[in-house]
Amino acid sequence: MRTSPSSPIRSLRQAGTVLRACRTARKLSQKQLGEMTGTAQSTISDIENGVVSASLDVYLRLLEALGAELSATNRVTDRESS
């Protein structure tokens, strides 16, 4: 499987965008992902649209089903990159 570049997540909307990209790359519908994880399709839609904040447990369960993972890195500031 090809690895995808990491995407910084600094907002609910960005988290939803990353989740949607992972799901569509796997060619899964929201309903299929929901069935795999025990999460309502409407909840997945709300998460992907940045409308609702999912618990870390739910977000990790969704990512695991998609073969993705969450990681944290130090944020590079403009001052550090100069």
N, C-alpha and C. Protein backbone atom coordinates (compact mmCIF):
# COMPACT_ATOMS: atom_id res chain seq x y z
N MET A 1 0.84 -1.19 0.00
CA MET A 1 0.00 0.00 0.00
C MET A 1 0.88 1.24 0.00
N ARG A 2 0.48 2.21 -0.76
CA ARG A 2 1.22 3.46 -0.85
C ARG A 2 0.95 4.30 0.38
N THR A 3 1.99 4.92 0.91
CA THR A 3 1.80 5.79 2.07
C THR A 3 1.44 7.18 1.58
N SER A 4 0.62 7.86 2.34
CA SER A 4 0.22 9.21 1.97
C SER A 4 1.00 10.21 2.82
N PRO A 5 1.18 11.41 2.29
CA PRO A 5 1.89 12.42 3.08
C PRO A 5 1.08 12.79 4.31
N SER A 6 1.78 13.18 5.36
CA SER A 6 1.07 13.58 6.55
C SER A 6 0.43 14.95 6.34
N SER A 7 -0.66 15.15 7.02
CA SER A 7 -1.39 16.40 6.91
C SER A 7 -1.51 17.02 8.29
N PRO A 8 -1.10 18.28 8.45
CA PRO A 8 -1.27 18.91 9.77
C PRO A 8 -2.75 19.09 10.07
N ILE A 9 -3.11 18.82 11.30
CA ILE A 9 -4.50 18.98 11.73
C ILE A 9 -4.51 19.96 12.88
N ARG A 10 -5.12 21.11 12.63
CA ARG A 10 -5.18 22.15 13.66
C ARG A 10 -6.61 22.63 13.91
N SER A 11 -7.58 21.94 13.30
CA SER A 11 -8.97 22.32 13.52
C SER A 11 -9.87 21.10 13.28
N LEU A 12 -11.10 21.19 13.73
CA LEU A 12 -12.06 20.13 13.48
C LEU A 12 -12.28 19.92 11.99
N ARG A 13 -12.32 21.01 11.24
CA ARG A 13 -12.53 20.92 9.80
C ARG A 13 -11.38 20.17 9.12
N GLN A 14 -10.15 20.46 9.53
CA GLN A 14 -8.99 19.76 8.96
C GLN A 14 -9.02 18.28 9.32
N ALA A 15 -9.40 17.96 10.55
CA ALA A 15 -9.50 16.56 10.97
C ALA A 15 -10.53 15.84 10.11
N GLY A 16 -11.64 16.49 9.85
CA GLY A 16 -12.67 15.90 9.01
C GLY A 16 -12.22 15.70 7.58
N THR A 17 -11.47 16.66 7.07
CA THR A 17 -10.95 16.57 5.70
C THR A 17 -10.00 15.39 5.56
N VAL A 18 -9.14 15.21 6.55
CA VAL A 18 -8.20 14.09 6.53
C VAL A 18 -8.95 12.77 6.61
N LEU A 19 -9.94 12.69 7.49
CA LEU A 19 -10.73 11.47 7.62
C LEU A 19 -11.44 11.15 6.30
N ARG A 20 -12.05 12.15 5.67
CA ARG A 20 -12.73 11.94 4.39
C ARG A 20 -11.75 11.45 3.33
N ALA A 21 -10.56 12.05 3.28
CA ALA A 21 -9.56 11.65 2.28
C ALA A 21 -9.15 10.19 2.48
N CYS A 22 -8.96 9.79 3.72
CA CYS A 22 -8.62 8.39 4.02
C CYS A 22 -9.75 7.45 3.60
N ARG A 23 -10.98 7.86 3.90
CA ARG A 23 -12.13 7.01 3.59
C ARG A 23 -12.32 6.88 2.08
N THR A 24 -12.23 7.97 1.37
CA THR A 24 -12.44 7.91 -0.08
C THR A 24 -11.29 7.19 -0.78
N ALA A 25 -10.08 7.30 -0.24
CA ALA A 25 -8.94 6.57 -0.81
C ALA A 25 -9.17 5.06 -0.69
N ARG A 26 -9.87 4.65 0.34
CA ARG A 26 -10.20 3.23 0.55
C ARG A 26 -11.47 2.83 -0.19
N LYS A 27 -12.08 3.80 -0.89
CA LYS A 27 -13.31 3.57 -1.64
C LYS A 27 -14.44 3.02 -0.76
N LEU A 28 -14.57 3.63 0.42
CA LEU A 28 -15.62 3.26 1.35
C LEU A 28 -16.64 4.38 1.45
N SER A 29 -17.88 4.02 1.60
CA SER A 29 -18.91 5.02 1.87
C SER A 29 -18.93 5.30 3.37
N GLN A 30 -19.58 6.38 3.74
CA GLN A 30 -19.73 6.67 5.17
C GLN A 30 -20.50 5.54 5.85
N LYS A 31 -21.49 5.00 5.18
CA LYS A 31 -22.28 3.91 5.74
C LYS A 31 -21.41 2.68 5.98
N GLN A 32 -20.57 2.33 5.01
CA GLN A 32 -19.69 1.17 5.17
C GLN A 32 -18.73 1.36 6.34
N LEU A 33 -18.12 2.56 6.43
CA LEU A 33 -17.22 2.84 7.54
C LEU A 33 -17.96 2.76 8.87
N GLY A 34 -19.17 3.27 8.88
CA GLY A 34 -19.98 3.21 10.09
C GLY A 34 -20.28 1.78 10.52
N GLU A 35 -20.58 0.94 9.56
CA GLU A 35 -20.84 -0.47 9.87
C GLU A 35 -19.59 -1.16 10.40
N MET A 36 -18.42 -0.80 9.89
CA MET A 36 -17.16 -1.40 10.32
C MET A 36 -16.81 -1.00 11.75
N THR A 37 -17.23 0.20 12.16
CA THR A 37 -16.79 0.77 13.44
C THR A 37 -17.89 0.93 14.48
N GLY A 38 -19.13 0.65 14.10
CA GLY A 38 -20.23 0.86 15.03
C GLY A 38 -20.55 2.33 15.24
N THR A 39 -20.27 3.14 14.22
CA THR A 39 -20.51 4.58 14.28
C THR A 39 -21.61 4.94 13.29
N ALA A 40 -22.55 5.76 13.70
CA ALA A 40 -23.64 6.15 12.81
C ALA A 40 -23.11 6.92 11.60
N GLN A 41 -23.70 6.68 10.44
CA GLN A 41 -23.30 7.39 9.21
C GLN A 41 -23.43 8.88 9.40
N SER A 42 -24.47 9.32 10.08
CA SER A 42 -24.67 10.76 10.30
C SER A 42 -23.55 11.35 11.15
N THR A 43 -23.04 10.58 12.09
CA THR A 43 -21.92 11.05 12.91
C THR A 43 -20.66 11.20 12.07
N ILE A 44 -20.40 10.23 11.20
CA ILE A 44 -19.24 10.31 10.31
C ILE A 44 -19.36 11.53 9.41
N SER A 45 -20.54 11.78 8.90
CA SER A 45 -20.77 12.97 8.06
C SER A 45 -20.48 14.24 8.84
N ASP A 46 -20.98 14.32 10.06
CA ASP A 46 -20.75 15.50 10.90
C ASP A 46 -19.26 15.69 11.19
N ILE A 47 -18.55 14.60 11.47
CA ILE A 47 -17.11 14.69 11.73
C ILE A 47 -16.39 15.17 10.48
N GLU A 48 -16.70 14.59 9.33
CA GLU A 48 -16.04 14.97 8.08
C GLU A 48 -16.30 16.42 7.70
N ASN A 49 -17.45 16.94 8.09
CA ASN A 49 -17.78 18.33 7.78
C ASN A 49 -17.34 19.30 8.86
N GLY A 50 -16.68 18.80 9.90
CA GLY A 50 -16.20 19.66 10.97
C GLY A 50 -17.30 20.25 11.82
N VAL A 51 -18.47 19.61 11.80
CA VAL A 51 -19.63 20.13 12.53
C VAL A 51 -19.62 19.69 13.99
N VAL A 52 -19.05 18.52 14.24
CA VAL A 52 -19.07 17.96 15.58
C VAL A 52 -17.68 17.48 15.95
N SER A 53 -17.36 17.59 17.20
CA SER A 53 -16.08 17.10 17.72
C SER A 53 -16.27 15.66 18.17
N ALA A 54 -15.51 14.76 17.58
CA ALA A 54 -15.58 13.35 17.99
C ALA A 54 -14.63 13.13 19.14
N SER A 55 -14.97 12.18 19.99
CA SER A 55 -14.02 11.83 21.05
C SER A 55 -12.79 11.23 20.39
N LEU A 56 -11.68 11.29 21.07
CA LEU A 56 -10.45 10.72 20.55
C LEU A 56 -10.64 9.23 20.28
N ASP A 57 -11.38 8.55 21.14
CA ASP A 57 -11.66 7.13 20.98
C ASP A 57 -12.35 6.86 19.65
N VAL A 58 -13.36 7.63 19.32
CA VAL A 58 -14.10 7.44 18.06
C VAL A 58 -13.20 7.74 16.87
N TYR A 59 -12.46 8.85 16.93
CA TYR A 59 -11.59 9.22 15.82
C TYR A 59 -10.53 8.15 15.59
N LEU A 60 -9.93 7.63 16.66
CA LEU A 60 -8.92 6.58 16.52
C LEU A 60 -9.53 5.30 15.96
N ARG A 61 -10.74 4.98 16.37
CA ARG A 61 -11.41 3.78 15.86
C ARG A 61 -11.67 3.93 14.35
N LEU A 62 -12.08 5.11 13.92
CA LEU A 62 -12.31 5.35 12.49
C LEU A 62 -11.00 5.25 11.71
N LEU A 63 -9.95 5.88 12.23
CA LEU A 63 -8.65 5.82 11.55
C LEU A 63 -8.12 4.39 11.48
N GLU A 64 -8.28 3.64 12.56
CA GLU A 64 -7.80 2.25 12.57
C GLU A 64 -8.51 1.44 11.48
N ALA A 65 -9.81 1.62 11.35
CA ALA A 65 -10.57 0.90 10.33
C ALA A 65 -10.11 1.28 8.92
N LEU A 66 -9.57 2.47 8.78
CA LEU A 66 -9.09 2.95 7.49
C LEU A 66 -7.61 2.65 7.25
N GLY A 67 -6.98 2.00 8.21
CA GLY A 67 -5.56 1.69 8.08
C GLY A 67 -4.67 2.91 8.24
N ALA A 68 -5.15 3.89 8.98
CA ALA A 68 -4.40 5.12 9.21
C ALA A 68 -4.12 5.25 10.71
N GLU A 69 -3.29 6.20 11.05
CA GLU A 69 -3.00 6.43 12.46
C GLU A 69 -2.82 7.91 12.73
N LEU A 70 -2.91 8.25 13.98
CA LEU A 70 -2.74 9.62 14.44
C LEU A 70 -1.34 9.76 15.02
N SER A 71 -0.65 10.83 14.67
CA SER A 71 0.67 11.08 15.27
C SER A 71 0.78 12.56 15.58
N ALA A 72 1.67 12.87 16.49
CA ALA A 72 1.88 14.27 16.88
C ALA A 72 3.34 14.64 16.63
N THR A 73 3.55 15.85 16.14
CA THR A 73 4.89 16.36 15.91
C THR A 73 4.97 17.77 16.45
N ASN A 74 6.17 18.24 16.64
CA ASN A 74 6.35 19.63 17.06
C ASN A 74 5.99 20.53 15.89
N ARG A 75 5.30 21.59 16.18
CA ARG A 75 4.92 22.56 15.17
C ARG A 75 6.14 23.41 14.84
N VAL A 76 6.44 23.55 13.57
CA VAL A 76 7.54 24.40 13.12
C VAL A 76 7.01 25.81 12.97
N THR A 77 7.66 26.76 13.63
CA THR A 77 7.26 28.15 13.52
C THR A 77 8.13 28.86 12.51
N ASP A 78 7.69 30.00 12.04
CA ASP A 78 8.47 30.79 11.08
C ASP A 78 9.86 31.12 11.63
N ARG A 79 9.93 31.42 12.91
CA ARG A 79 11.20 31.76 13.55
C ARG A 79 12.16 30.57 13.52
N GLU A 80 11.64 29.34 13.74
CA GLU A 80 12.49 28.17 13.74
C GLU A 80 12.98 27.79 12.36
N SER A 81 12.21 28.08 11.33
CA SER A 81 12.58 27.67 9.98
C SER A 81 13.58 28.64 9.33
N SER A 82 13.86 29.76 9.94
CA SER A 82 14.80 30.75 9.38
C SER A 82 16.21 30.43 9.75
